[in-house]
Amino acid sequence: MAALVVTAGAAAADPVVVLAIAESFDQVLDNIRNWLVGILAGLATVCVTVGGARYVLASGDPGEVEKSKTALRAACIGYGLAMLAPVIVAVLKSIVGA
């Protein structure tokens, strides 16, 4: 049985390029805010879609209508939190003194 051995010409690794480095703590908090808004808006959109589909498919069943209303309320809360995320980050900035 034969073995094949491959060797590289140079032992040095290529330099690592960092693409996402923050310049300041403010930028880190702004990035966190942007991620929070995106995630909360996405989850709220999923809740609106599920709630709307449940409402359409409820066919007058009071239990299903109530479940769809609950999903729509959760979506409203999610959108509200997404709108409040910049305020929350501003409060955190004032607390840490950034």
PDB file of N, CA and C in Angstrom:
ATOM      1  N   MET A   1       0.851  -1.171   0.000  1.00  0.00           N
ATOM      2  CA  MET A   1       0.000   0.000   0.000  1.00  0.00           C
ATOM      3  C   MET A   1       0.900   1.238   0.000  1.00  0.00           C
ATOM      4  N   ALA A   2       0.632   2.175  -0.858  1.00  0.00           N
ATOM      5  CA  ALA A   2       1.457   3.377  -0.998  1.00  0.00           C
ATOM      6  C   ALA A   2       0.784   4.543  -0.288  1.00  0.00           C
ATOM      7  N   ALA A   3       1.599   5.425   0.263  1.00  0.00           N
ATOM      8  CA  ALA A   3       1.095   6.617   0.945  1.00  0.00           C
ATOM      9  C   ALA A   3       1.548   7.844   0.177  1.00  0.00           C
ATOM     10  N   LEU A   4       0.713   8.808   0.093  1.00  0.00           N
ATOM     11  CA  LEU A   4       1.018  10.048  -0.610  1.00  0.00           C
ATOM     12  C   LEU A   4       1.151  11.161   0.417  1.00  0.00           C
ATOM     13  N   VAL A   5       2.253  11.865   0.403  1.00  0.00           N
ATOM     14  CA  VAL A   5       2.499  12.955   1.329  1.00  0.00           C
ATOM     15  C   VAL A   5       2.655  14.226   0.520  1.00  0.00           C
ATOM     16  N   VAL A   6       1.856  15.253   0.886  1.00  0.00           N
ATOM     17  CA  VAL A   6       1.921  16.534   0.200  1.00  0.00           C
ATOM     18  C   VAL A   6       2.462  17.559   1.183  1.00  0.00           C
ATOM     19  N   THR A   7       3.454  18.333   0.765  1.00  0.00           N
ATOM     20  CA  THR A   7       4.013  19.363   1.634  1.00  0.00           C
ATOM     21  C   THR A   7       3.837  20.713   0.978  1.00  0.00           C
ATOM     22  N   ALA A   8       3.694  21.709   1.800  1.00  0.00           N
ATOM     23  CA  ALA A   8       3.556  23.083   1.316  1.00  0.00           C
ATOM     24  C   ALA A   8       4.934  23.714   1.242  1.00  0.00           C
ATOM     25  N   GLY A   9       5.066  24.716   0.371  1.00  0.00           N
ATOM     26  CA  GLY A   9       6.352  25.375   0.198  1.00  0.00           C
ATOM     27  C   GLY A   9       6.736  26.240   1.386  1.00  0.00           C
ATOM     28  N   ALA A  10       5.813  26.982   1.955  1.00  0.00           N
ATOM     29  CA  ALA A  10       6.131  27.883   3.069  1.00  0.00           C
ATOM     30  C   ALA A  10       5.318  27.485   4.292  1.00  0.00           C
ATOM     31  N   ALA A  11       5.909  27.629   5.457  1.00  0.00           N
ATOM     32  CA  ALA A  11       5.234  27.254   6.693  1.00  0.00           C
ATOM     33  C   ALA A  11       4.457  28.425   7.298  1.00  0.00           C
ATOM     34  N   ALA A  12       4.652  29.625   6.795  1.00  0.00           N
ATOM     35  CA  ALA A  12       3.984  30.798   7.349  1.00  0.00           C
ATOM     36  C   ALA A  12       2.534  30.857   6.871  1.00  0.00           C
ATOM     37  N   ALA A  13       1.634  31.225   7.775  1.00  0.00           N
ATOM     38  CA  ALA A  13       0.214  31.347   7.444  1.00  0.00           C
ATOM     39  C   ALA A  13      -0.063  32.735   6.881  1.00  0.00           C
ATOM     40  N   ASP A  14      -1.110  32.821   6.100  1.00  0.00           N
ATOM     41  CA  ASP A  14      -1.521  34.120   5.564  1.00  0.00           C
ATOM     42  C   ASP A  14      -2.003  35.004   6.707  1.00  0.00           C
ATOM     43  N   PRO A  15      -1.832  36.318   6.587  1.00  0.00           N
ATOM     44  CA  PRO A  15      -2.316  37.207   7.658  1.00  0.00           C
ATOM     45  C   PRO A  15      -3.842  37.171   7.748  1.00  0.00           C
ATOM     46  N   VAL A  16      -4.346  37.290   8.953  1.00  0.00           N
ATOM     47  CA  VAL A  16      -5.781  37.260   9.202  1.00  0.00           C
ATOM     48  C   VAL A  16      -6.349  38.651   8.980  1.00  0.00           C
ATOM     49  N   VAL A  17      -7.432  38.722   8.215  1.00  0.00           N
ATOM     50  CA  VAL A  17      -8.100  39.991   7.951  1.00  0.00           C
ATOM     51  C   VAL A  17      -9.375  40.028   8.777  1.00  0.00           C
ATOM     52  N   VAL A  18      -9.490  41.019   9.652  1.00  0.00           N
ATOM     53  CA  VAL A  18     -10.678  41.173  10.485  1.00  0.00           C
ATOM     54  C   VAL A  18     -11.607  42.166   9.796  1.00  0.00           C
ATOM     55  N   LEU A  19     -12.824  41.701   9.500  1.00  0.00           N
ATOM     56  CA  LEU A  19     -13.764  42.543   8.767  1.00  0.00           C
ATOM     57  C   LEU A  19     -14.680  43.345   9.679  1.00  0.00           C
ATOM     58  N   ALA A  20     -14.953  42.853  10.872  1.00  0.00           N
ATOM     59  CA  ALA A  20     -15.928  43.506  11.739  1.00  0.00           C
ATOM     60  C   ALA A  20     -15.245  43.934  13.039  1.00  0.00           C
ATOM     61  N   ILE A  21     -14.516  45.007  12.978  1.00  0.00           N
ATOM     62  CA  ILE A  21     -13.890  45.523  14.188  1.00  0.00           C
ATOM     63  C   ILE A  21     -14.519  46.881  14.485  1.00  0.00           C
ATOM     64  N   ALA A  22     -14.864  47.082  15.734  1.00  0.00           N
ATOM     65  CA  ALA A  22     -15.517  48.326  16.129  1.00  0.00           C
ATOM     66  C   ALA A  22     -14.464  49.364  16.486  1.00  0.00           C
ATOM     67  N   GLU A  23     -14.727  50.576  16.090  1.00  0.00           N
ATOM     68  CA  GLU A  23     -13.811  51.676  16.380  1.00  0.00           C
ATOM     69  C   GLU A  23     -13.962  52.181  17.815  1.00  0.00           C
ATOM     70  N   SER A  24     -15.193  52.085  18.353  1.00  0.00           N
ATOM     71  CA  SER A  24     -15.442  52.603  19.697  1.00  0.00           C
ATOM     72  C   SER A  24     -16.570  51.814  20.352  1.00  0.00           C
ATOM     73  N   PHE A  25     -16.748  52.059  21.642  1.00  0.00           N
ATOM     74  CA  PHE A  25     -17.826  51.404  22.376  1.00  0.00           C
ATOM     75  C   PHE A  25     -19.191  51.875  21.874  1.00  0.00           C
ATOM     76  N   ASP A  26     -19.278  53.137  21.445  1.00  0.00           N
ATOM     77  CA  ASP A  26     -20.530  53.645  20.867  1.00  0.00           C
ATOM     78  C   ASP A  26     -20.935  52.838  19.643  1.00  0.00           C
ATOM     79  N   GLN A  27     -19.963  52.517  18.832  1.00  0.00           N
ATOM     80  CA  GLN A  27     -20.255  51.746  17.627  1.00  0.00           C
ATOM     81  C   GLN A  27     -20.722  50.335  17.981  1.00  0.00           C
ATOM     82  N   VAL A  28     -20.157  49.758  19.028  1.00  0.00           N
ATOM     83  CA  VAL A  28     -20.600  48.438  19.479  1.00  0.00           C
ATOM     84  C   VAL A  28     -22.062  48.500  19.921  1.00  0.00           C
ATOM     85  N   LEU A  29     -22.408  49.521  20.701  1.00  0.00           N
ATOM     86  CA  LEU A  29     -23.796  49.663  21.152  1.00  0.00           C
ATOM     87  C   LEU A  29     -24.740  49.940  19.985  1.00  0.00           C
ATOM     88  N   ASP A  30     -24.283  50.709  19.010  1.00  0.00           N
ATOM     89  CA  ASP A  30     -25.111  50.951  17.827  1.00  0.00           C
ATOM     90  C   ASP A  30     -25.315  49.665  17.035  1.00  0.00           C
ATOM     91  N   ASN A  31     -24.281  48.853  16.935  1.00  0.00           N
ATOM     92  CA  ASN A  31     -24.420  47.573  16.234  1.00  0.00           C
ATOM     93  C   ASN A  31     -25.387  46.650  16.967  1.00  0.00           C
ATOM     94  N   ILE A  32     -25.314  46.645  18.304  1.00  0.00           N
ATOM     95  CA  ILE A  32     -26.246  45.839  19.089  1.00  0.00           C
ATOM     96  C   ILE A  32     -27.676  46.318  18.855  1.00  0.00           C
ATOM     97  N   ARG A  33     -27.848  47.635  18.839  1.00  0.00           N
ATOM     98  CA  ARG A  33     -29.187  48.188  18.592  1.00  0.00           C
ATOM     99  C   ARG A  33     -29.711  47.763  17.225  1.00  0.00           C
ATOM    100  N   ASN A  34     -28.864  47.845  16.222  1.00  0.00           N
ATOM    101  CA  ASN A  34     -29.299  47.473  14.872  1.00  0.00           C
ATOM    102  C   ASN A  34     -29.676  45.995  14.800  1.00  0.00           C
ATOM    103  N   TRP A  35     -28.905  45.135  15.457  1.00  0.00           N
ATOM    104  CA  TRP A  35     -29.244  43.723  15.488  1.00  0.00           C
ATOM    105  C   TRP A  35     -30.550  43.489  16.234  1.00  0.00           C
ATOM    106  N   LEU A  36     -30.741  44.172  17.365  1.00  0.00           N
ATOM    107  CA  LEU A  36     -31.977  44.016  18.117  1.00  0.00           C
ATOM    108  C   LEU A  36     -33.199  44.422  17.294  1.00  0.00           C
ATOM    109  N   VAL A  37     -33.088  45.547  16.623  1.00  0.00           N
ATOM    110  CA  VAL A  37     -34.213  46.015  15.803  1.00  0.00           C
ATOM    111  C   VAL A  37     -34.516  45.010  14.701  1.00  0.00           C
ATOM    112  N   GLY A  38     -33.490  44.520  14.055  1.00  0.00           N
ATOM    113  CA  GLY A  38     -33.701  43.553  12.978  1.00  0.00           C
ATOM    114  C   GLY A  38     -34.317  42.255  13.457  1.00  0.00           C
ATOM    115  N   ILE A  39     -33.802  41.720  14.552  1.00  0.00           N
ATOM    116  CA  ILE A  39     -34.325  40.451  15.072  1.00  0.00           C
ATOM    117  C   ILE A  39     -35.760  40.617  15.565  1.00  0.00           C
ATOM    118  N   LEU A  40     -36.023  41.689  16.318  1.00  0.00           N
ATOM    119  CA  LEU A  40     -37.376  41.900  16.839  1.00  0.00           C
ATOM    120  C   LEU A  40     -38.384  42.154  15.720  1.00  0.00           C
ATOM    121  N   ALA A  41     -37.994  42.921  14.722  1.00  0.00           N
ATOM    122  CA  ALA A  41     -38.907  43.173  13.599  1.00  0.00           C
ATOM    123  C   ALA A  41     -39.168  41.882  12.818  1.00  0.00           C
ATOM    124  N   GLY A  42     -38.136  41.067  12.665  1.00  0.00           N
ATOM    125  CA  GLY A  42     -38.324  39.791  11.962  1.00  0.00           C
ATOM    126  C   GLY A  42     -39.252  38.856  12.715  1.00  0.00           C
ATOM    127  N   LEU A  43     -39.049  38.743  14.025  1.00  0.00           N
ATOM    128  CA  LEU A  43     -39.933  37.889  14.832  1.00  0.00           C
ATOM    129  C   LEU A  43     -41.366  38.419  14.846  1.00  0.00           C
ATOM    130  N   ALA A  44     -41.510  39.728  14.912  1.00  0.00           N
ATOM    131  CA  ALA A  44     -42.858  40.306  14.896  1.00  0.00           C
ATOM    132  C   ALA A  44     -43.544  40.046  13.558  1.00  0.00           C
ATOM    133  N   THR A  45     -42.792  40.092  12.487  1.00  0.00           N
ATOM    134  CA  THR A  45     -43.366  39.812  11.173  1.00  0.00           C
ATOM    135  C   THR A  45     -43.820  38.357  11.081  1.00  0.00           C
ATOM    136  N   VAL A  46     -43.036  37.449  11.662  1.00  0.00           N
ATOM    137  CA  VAL A  46     -43.448  36.042  11.693  1.00  0.00           C
ATOM    138  C   VAL A  46     -44.734  35.898  12.501  1.00  0.00           C
ATOM    139  N   CYS A  47     -44.824  36.590  13.633  1.00  0.00           N
ATOM    140  CA  CYS A  47     -46.040  36.526  14.457  1.00  0.00           C
ATOM    141  C   CYS A  47     -47.252  37.082  13.720  1.00  0.00           C
ATOM    142  N   VAL A  48     -47.073  38.152  12.973  1.00  0.00           N
ATOM    143  CA  VAL A  48     -48.183  38.705  12.195  1.00  0.00           C
ATOM    144  C   VAL A  48     -48.629  37.702  11.138  1.00  0.00           C
ATOM    145  N   THR A  49     -47.680  37.072  10.487  1.00  0.00           N
ATOM    146  CA  THR A  49     -48.010  36.100   9.452  1.00  0.00           C
ATOM    147  C   THR A  49     -48.753  34.902  10.042  1.00  0.00           C
ATOM    148  N   VAL A  50     -48.247  34.371  11.144  1.00  0.00           N
ATOM    149  CA  VAL A  50     -48.899  33.218  11.781  1.00  0.00           C
ATOM    150  C   VAL A  50     -50.277  33.612  12.304  1.00  0.00           C
ATOM    151  N   GLY A  51     -50.374  34.772  12.944  1.00  0.00           N
ATOM    152  CA  GLY A  51     -51.666  35.220  13.466  1.00  0.00           C
ATOM    153  C   GLY A  51     -52.686  35.449  12.367  1.00  0.00           C
ATOM    154  N   GLY A  52     -52.245  36.055  11.284  1.00  0.00           N
ATOM    155  CA  GLY A  52     -53.167  36.275  10.164  1.00  0.00           C
ATOM    156  C   GLY A  52     -53.617  34.976   9.527  1.00  0.00           C
ATOM    157  N   ALA A  53     -52.697  34.045   9.362  1.00  0.00           N
ATOM    158  CA  ALA A  53     -53.067  32.752   8.779  1.00  0.00           C
ATOM    159  C   ALA A  53     -54.022  31.992   9.700  1.00  0.00           C
ATOM    160  N   ARG A  54     -53.757  32.035  11.003  1.00  0.00           N
ATOM    161  CA  ARG A  54     -54.658  31.361  11.947  1.00  0.00           C
ATOM    162  C   ARG A  54     -56.040  31.994  11.940  1.00  0.00           C
ATOM    163  N   TYR A  55     -56.090  33.317  11.802  1.00  0.00           N
ATOM    164  CA  TYR A  55     -57.376  34.007  11.792  1.00  0.00           C
ATOM    165  C   TYR A  55     -58.182  33.634  10.546  1.00  0.00           C
ATOM    166  N   VAL A  56     -57.486  33.578   9.413  1.00  0.00           N
ATOM    167  CA  VAL A  56     -58.169  33.219   8.164  1.00  0.00           C
ATOM    168  C   VAL A  56     -58.644  31.772   8.205  1.00  0.00           C
ATOM    169  N   LEU A  57     -57.808  30.888   8.773  1.00  0.00           N
ATOM    170  CA  LEU A  57     -58.140  29.469   8.798  1.00  0.00           C
ATOM    171  C   LEU A  57     -59.011  29.069   9.984  1.00  0.00           C
ATOM    172  N   ALA A  58     -59.366  30.006  10.860  1.00  0.00           N
ATOM    173  CA  ALA A  58     -60.134  29.689  12.070  1.00  0.00           C
ATOM    174  C   ALA A  58     -61.544  29.212  11.755  1.00  0.00           C
ATOM    175  N   SER A  59     -62.129  29.670  10.699  1.00  0.00           N
ATOM    176  CA  SER A  59     -63.490  29.290  10.285  1.00  0.00           C
ATOM    177  C   SER A  59     -64.516  29.505  11.386  1.00  0.00           C
ATOM    178  N   GLY A  60     -64.324  30.565  12.153  1.00  0.00           N
ATOM    179  CA  GLY A  60     -65.295  30.901  13.183  1.00  0.00           C
ATOM    180  C   GLY A  60     -65.103  30.174  14.496  1.00  0.00           C
ATOM    181  N   ASP A  61     -64.108  29.308  14.619  1.00  0.00           N
ATOM    182  CA  ASP A  61     -63.837  28.601  15.871  1.00  0.00           C
ATOM    183  C   ASP A  61     -63.300  29.604  16.894  1.00  0.00           C
ATOM    184  N   PRO A  62     -64.034  29.806  18.012  1.00  0.00           N
ATOM    185  CA  PRO A  62     -63.614  30.828  18.982  1.00  0.00           C
ATOM    186  C   PRO A  62     -62.223  30.579  19.581  1.00  0.00           C
ATOM    187  N   GLY A  63     -61.851  29.327  19.780  1.00  0.00           N
ATOM    188  CA  GLY A  63     -60.534  29.015  20.335  1.00  0.00           C
ATOM    189  C   GLY A  63     -59.413  29.421  19.379  1.00  0.00           C
ATOM    190  N   GLU A  64     -59.592  29.125  18.108  1.00  0.00           N
ATOM    191  CA  GLU A  64     -58.576  29.488  17.112  1.00  0.00           C
ATOM    192  C   GLU A  64     -58.521  30.997  16.896  1.00  0.00           C
ATOM    193  N   VAL A  65     -59.670  31.649  16.946  1.00  0.00           N
ATOM    194  CA  VAL A  65     -59.691  33.108  16.807  1.00  0.00           C
ATOM    195  C   VAL A  65     -58.933  33.743  17.961  1.00  0.00           C
ATOM    196  N   GLU A  66     -59.118  33.211  19.169  1.00  0.00           N
ATOM    197  CA  GLU A  66     -58.411  33.752  20.331  1.00  0.00           C
ATOM    198  C   GLU A  66     -56.904  33.523  20.215  1.00  0.00           C
ATOM    199  N   LYS A  67     -56.493  32.355  19.713  1.00  0.00           N
ATOM    200  CA  LYS A  67     -55.069  32.083  19.505  1.00  0.00           C
ATOM    201  C   LYS A  67     -54.472  33.025  18.467  1.00  0.00           C
ATOM    202  N   SER A  68     -55.246  33.323  17.432  1.00  0.00           N
ATOM    203  CA  SER A  68     -54.740  34.246  16.403  1.00  0.00           C
ATOM    204  C   SER A  68     -54.619  35.658  16.966  1.00  0.00           C
ATOM    205  N   LYS A  69     -55.566  36.055  17.801  1.00  0.00           N
ATOM    206  CA  LYS A  69     -55.478  37.378  18.435  1.00  0.00           C
ATOM    207  C   LYS A  69     -54.264  37.456  19.354  1.00  0.00           C
ATOM    208  N   THR A  70     -53.963  36.358  20.042  1.00  0.00           N
ATOM    209  CA  THR A  70     -52.789  36.327  20.903  1.00  0.00           C
ATOM    210  C   THR A  70     -51.513  36.497  20.084  1.00  0.00           C
ATOM    211  N   ALA A  71     -51.441  35.834  18.937  1.00  0.00           N
ATOM    212  CA  ALA A  71     -50.269  35.970  18.067  1.00  0.00           C
ATOM    213  C   ALA A  71     -50.152  37.395  17.534  1.00  0.00           C
ATOM    214  N   LEU A  72     -51.272  38.014  17.207  1.00  0.00           N
ATOM    215  CA  LEU A  72     -51.234  39.394  16.716  1.00  0.00           C
ATOM    216  C   LEU A  72     -50.836  40.367  17.826  1.00  0.00           C
ATOM    217  N   ARG A  73     -51.268  40.102  19.060  1.00  0.00           N
ATOM    218  CA  ARG A  73     -50.823  40.930  20.190  1.00  0.00           C
ATOM    219  C   ARG A  73     -49.321  40.794  20.403  1.00  0.00           C
ATOM    220  N   ALA A  74     -48.814  39.570  20.280  1.00  0.00           N
ATOM    221  CA  ALA A  74     -47.371  39.343  20.423  1.00  0.00           C
ATOM    222  C   ALA A  74     -46.604  40.094  19.338  1.00  0.00           C
ATOM    223  N   ALA A  75     -47.162  40.150  18.141  1.00  0.00           N
ATOM    224  CA  ALA A  75     -46.520  40.894  17.052  1.00  0.00           C
ATOM    225  C   ALA A  75     -46.496  42.383  17.365  1.00  0.00           C
ATOM    226  N   CYS A  76     -47.581  42.888  17.915  1.00  0.00           N
ATOM    227  CA  CYS A  76     -47.608  44.313  18.283  1.00  0.00           C
ATOM    228  C   CYS A  76     -46.572  44.614  19.360  1.00  0.00           C
ATOM    229  N   ILE A  77     -46.432  43.720  20.319  1.00  0.00           N
ATOM    230  CA  ILE A  77     -45.419  43.907  21.366  1.00  0.00           C
ATOM    231  C   ILE A  77     -44.024  43.860  20.750  1.00  0.00           C
ATOM    232  N   GLY A  78     -43.810  42.946  19.814  1.00  0.00           N
ATOM    233  CA  GLY A  78     -42.514  42.847  19.146  1.00  0.00           C
ATOM    234  C   GLY A  78     -42.170  44.100  18.363  1.00  0.00           C
ATOM    235  N   TYR A  79     -43.132  44.628  17.628  1.00  0.00           N
ATOM    236  CA  TYR A  79     -42.884  45.873  16.896  1.00  0.00           C
ATOM    237  C   TYR A  79     -42.634  47.028  17.863  1.00  0.00           C
ATOM    238  N   GLY A  80     -43.361  47.048  18.978  1.00  0.00           N
ATOM    239  CA  GLY A  80     -43.137  48.092  19.982  1.00  0.00           C
ATOM    240  C   GLY A  80     -41.741  48.021  20.568  1.00  0.00           C
ATOM    241  N   LEU A  81     -41.280  46.802  20.886  1.00  0.00           N
ATOM    242  CA  LEU A  81     -39.915  46.644  21.399  1.00  0.00           C
ATOM    243  C   LEU A  81     -38.875  47.022  20.353  1.00  0.00           C
ATOM    244  N   ALA A  82     -39.158  46.708  19.099  1.00  0.00           N
ATOM    245  CA  ALA A  82     -38.221  47.091  18.037  1.00  0.00           C
ATOM    246  C   ALA A  82     -38.113  48.608  17.926  1.00  0.00           C
ATOM    247  N   MET A  83     -39.229  49.298  18.131  1.00  0.00           N
ATOM    248  CA  MET A  83     -39.176  50.762  18.091  1.00  0.00           C
ATOM    249  C   MET A  83     -38.498  51.333  19.329  1.00  0.00           C
ATOM    250  N   LEU A  84     -38.574  50.614  20.450  1.00  0.00           N
ATOM    251  CA  LEU A  84     -37.964  51.095  21.685  1.00  0.00           C
ATOM    252  C   LEU A  84     -36.493  50.709  21.819  1.00  0.00           C
ATOM    253  N   ALA A  85     -35.986  49.853  20.955  1.00  0.00           N
ATOM    254  CA  ALA A  85     -34.594  49.415  21.055  1.00  0.00           C
ATOM    255  C   ALA A  85     -33.611  50.581  21.027  1.00  0.00           C
ATOM    256  N   PRO A  86     -33.785  51.582  20.152  1.00  0.00           N
ATOM    257  CA  PRO A  86     -32.864  52.722  20.198  1.00  0.00           C
ATOM    258  C   PRO A  86     -32.912  53.471  21.526  1.00  0.00           C
ATOM    259  N   VAL A  87     -34.097  53.556  22.132  1.00  0.00           N
ATOM    260  CA  VAL A  87     -34.216  54.235  23.426  1.00  0.00           C
ATOM    261  C   VAL A  87     -33.496  53.432  24.505  1.00  0.00           C
ATOM    262  N   ILE A  88     -33.657  52.115  24.475  1.00  0.00           N
ATOM    263  CA  ILE A  88     -32.992  51.257  25.454  1.00  0.00           C
ATOM    264  C   ILE A  88     -31.483  51.378  25.339  1.00  0.00           C
ATOM    265  N   VAL A  89     -30.969  51.400  24.102  1.00  0.00           N
ATOM    266  CA  VAL A  89     -29.529  51.536  23.903  1.00  0.00           C
ATOM    267  C   VAL A  89     -29.061  52.916  24.356  1.00  0.00           C
ATOM    268  N   ALA A  90     -29.851  53.946  24.144  1.00  0.00           N
ATOM    269  CA  ALA A  90     -29.478  55.288  24.605  1.00  0.00           C
ATOM    270  C   ALA A  90     -29.399  55.330  26.137  1.00  0.00           C
ATOM    271  N   VAL A  91     -30.333  54.648  26.806  1.00  0.00           N
ATOM    272  CA  VAL A  91     -30.297  54.573  28.265  1.00  0.00           C
ATOM    273  C   VAL A  91     -29.052  53.822  28.720  1.00  0.00           C
ATOM    274  N   LEU A  92     -28.728  52.725  28.043  1.00  0.00           N
ATOM    275  CA  LEU A  92     -27.514  51.987  28.396  1.00  0.00           C
ATOM    276  C   LEU A  92     -26.261  52.827  28.184  1.00  0.00           C
ATOM    277  N   LYS A  93     -26.258  53.625  27.110  1.00  0.00           N
ATOM    278  CA  LYS A  93     -25.111  54.509  26.870  1.00  0.00           C
ATOM    279  C   LYS A  93     -24.953  55.528  28.002  1.00  0.00           C
ATOM    280  N   SER A  94     -26.083  56.070  28.469  1.00  0.00           N
ATOM    281  CA  SER A  94     -25.999  57.046  29.548  1.00  0.00           C
ATOM    282  C   SER A  94     -25.569  56.408  30.866  1.00  0.00           C
ATOM    283  N   ILE A  95     -25.940  55.148  31.066  1.00  0.00           N
ATOM    284  CA  ILE A  95     -25.558  54.457  32.295  1.00  0.00           C
ATOM    285  C   ILE A  95     -24.063  54.178  32.316  1.00  0.00           C
ATOM    286  N   VAL A  96     -23.521  53.696  31.192  1.00  0.00           N
ATOM    287  CA  VAL A  96     -22.095  53.354  31.152  1.00  0.00           C
ATOM    288  C   VAL A  96     -21.226  54.557  30.835  1.00  0.00           C
ATOM    289  N   GLY A  97     -21.830  55.675  30.503  1.00  0.00           N
ATOM    290  CA  GLY A  97     -21.072  56.902  30.238  1.00  0.00           C
ATOM    291  C   GLY A  97     -20.422  56.955  28.878  1.00  0.00           C
ATOM    292  N   ALA A  98     -20.999  56.263  27.921  1.00  0.00           N
ATOM    293  CA  ALA A  98     -20.422  56.271  26.578  1.00  0.00           C
ATOM    294  C   ALA A  98     -20.976  57.407  25.753  1.00  0.00           C
TER     295      ALA A  98
END
